[in-house]
Protein backbone atom coordinates (compact mmCIF):
# COMPACT_ATOMS: atom_id res chain seq x y z
CA UNK A 1 5.42 -45.62 1.18
CA UNK A 2 6.64 -46.96 -2.17
CA UNK A 3 3.98 -48.45 -4.41
CA UNK A 4 4.35 -51.83 -6.13
CA UNK A 5 5.72 -50.32 -9.35
CA UNK A 6 8.31 -48.32 -7.39
CA UNK A 7 9.46 -51.40 -5.49
CA UNK A 8 9.97 -53.25 -8.77
CA UNK A 9 11.77 -50.20 -10.20
CA UNK A 10 14.24 -50.11 -7.29
CA UNK A 11 14.80 -53.86 -7.68
CA UNK A 12 15.57 -53.46 -11.40
CA UNK A 13 18.08 -50.68 -10.63
CA UNK A 14 20.30 -53.53 -9.39
CA UNK A 15 20.07 -55.56 -12.65
CA UNK A 16 23.40 -54.19 -13.97
CA UNK A 17 25.00 -55.90 -10.95
CA UNK A 18 23.71 -59.35 -11.85
CA UNK A 19 26.58 -61.85 -12.19
CA UNK A 20 28.92 -59.34 -10.55
CA UNK A 21 30.70 -59.64 -7.25
CA UNK A 22 29.62 -57.60 -4.22
CA UNK A 23 32.70 -55.55 -3.43
CA UNK A 24 31.65 -53.91 -0.16
CA UNK A 25 28.63 -53.53 2.08
CA UNK A 26 28.03 -50.57 4.34
CA UNK A 27 25.30 -50.67 6.94
CA UNK A 28 24.22 -48.34 9.69
CA UNK A 29 24.36 -50.64 12.70
CA UNK A 30 22.48 -48.20 14.95
CA UNK A 31 19.44 -48.33 12.70
CA UNK A 32 16.94 -51.00 13.69
CA UNK A 33 16.67 -52.56 10.26
CA UNK A 34 18.70 -55.67 11.01
CA UNK A 35 16.89 -56.98 14.05
CA UNK A 36 18.09 -60.32 15.33
CA UNK A 37 21.12 -60.76 13.07
CA UNK A 38 24.84 -60.28 13.57
CA UNK A 39 25.88 -57.30 11.41
CA UNK A 40 29.44 -58.59 10.93
CA UNK A 41 28.21 -62.00 9.83
CA UNK A 42 25.77 -60.31 7.45
CA UNK A 43 28.56 -58.29 5.83
CA UNK A 44 30.89 -61.31 5.65
CA UNK A 45 28.21 -63.40 3.91
CA UNK A 46 27.62 -60.80 1.18
CA UNK A 47 31.11 -59.45 0.47
CA UNK A 48 32.63 -61.54 -2.30
CA UNK A 49 29.33 -63.13 -3.36
CA UNK A 50 27.95 -62.79 -6.89
CA UNK A 51 24.46 -61.38 -7.29
CA UNK A 52 22.59 -64.10 -9.15
CA UNK A 53 19.03 -62.82 -9.35
CA UNK A 54 16.40 -60.58 -7.86
CA UNK A 55 12.64 -60.80 -7.50
CA UNK A 56 9.85 -58.68 -6.12
CA UNK A 57 6.71 -59.92 -4.42
CA UNK A 58 4.31 -57.25 -3.31
CA UNK A 59 6.35 -54.61 -1.52
CA UNK A 60 9.25 -56.96 -0.79
CA UNK A 61 12.46 -57.33 -2.79
CA UNK A 62 14.56 -60.49 -2.72
CA UNK A 63 18.19 -60.63 -3.81
CA UNK A 64 19.98 -63.96 -4.16
CA UNK A 65 23.78 -64.16 -4.13
CA UNK A 66 26.36 -66.92 -3.84
CA UNK A 67 30.09 -67.12 -3.26
CA UNK A 68 31.98 -69.26 -5.77
CA UNK A 69 32.82 -72.11 -3.42
CA UNK A 70 29.86 -71.81 -1.08
CA UNK A 71 27.32 -74.61 -0.86
CA UNK A 72 24.41 -72.31 -0.02
CA UNK A 73 22.99 -69.10 -1.41
CA UNK A 74 22.68 -65.88 0.55
CA UNK A 75 19.11 -64.57 0.51
CA UNK A 76 18.54 -60.89 1.26
CA UNK A 77 14.93 -59.78 1.69
CA UNK A 78 14.30 -56.05 1.77
CA UNK A 79 11.25 -53.91 2.45
CA UNK A 80 11.87 -50.24 1.66
CA UNK A 81 9.59 -48.98 4.42
CA UNK A 82 8.33 -45.42 4.23
CA UNK A 83 11.32 -43.68 2.66
CA UNK A 84 13.95 -46.39 2.11
CA UNK A 85 16.43 -46.55 -0.71
CA UNK A 86 19.25 -48.73 -1.97
CA UNK A 87 22.26 -47.23 -3.72
CA UNK A 88 24.95 -48.44 -6.05
CA UNK A 89 28.14 -46.44 -5.71
CA UNK A 90 30.90 -46.04 -8.27
CA UNK A 91 34.24 -47.84 -7.76
CA UNK A 92 36.42 -45.83 -5.40
CA UNK A 93 33.54 -44.97 -3.08
CA UNK A 94 34.92 -44.95 0.47
CA UNK A 95 33.33 -47.24 3.00
CA UNK A 96 34.29 -48.19 6.53
CA UNK A 97 33.34 -51.85 6.10
CA UNK A 98 34.99 -55.03 4.81
CA UNK A 99 36.65 -55.21 1.42
CA UNK A 100 36.09 -57.93 -1.12
CA UNK A 101 38.46 -60.53 -2.48
CA UNK A 102 36.82 -59.92 -5.90
CA UNK A 103 38.70 -58.31 -8.73
CA UNK A 104 37.89 -54.60 -9.20
CA UNK A 105 36.41 -55.29 -12.64
CA UNK A 106 33.68 -57.49 -11.22
CA UNK A 107 32.76 -55.51 -8.12
CA UNK A 108 29.45 -53.86 -7.31
CA UNK A 109 29.16 -51.75 -4.19
CA UNK A 110 26.06 -51.73 -2.03
CA UNK A 111 24.88 -49.19 0.50
CA UNK A 112 22.04 -50.30 2.73
């Protein structure tokens, strides 16, 4: 299980994406990590949003994003579990999920 310093390290890995637009989100719907939420709605709420900030509290990470014309922020809380990871992929990475209306220059890709 990741220790507190490792959780904060993984959170900071995403700092280069601050103020950038989420270009795509890929999730593994058969995994039980998104209990009680609609996966399509989750993807739709993040794609096109700008990552505004991140925080860590204990072994939890919180990412806050907002679409330009949205009234509310999107809050994404993550616990890495025993062996979890988050990845940032280079532009051109192939995903099966929704594409963003963001310009390619401001995109960040997320794999969860």
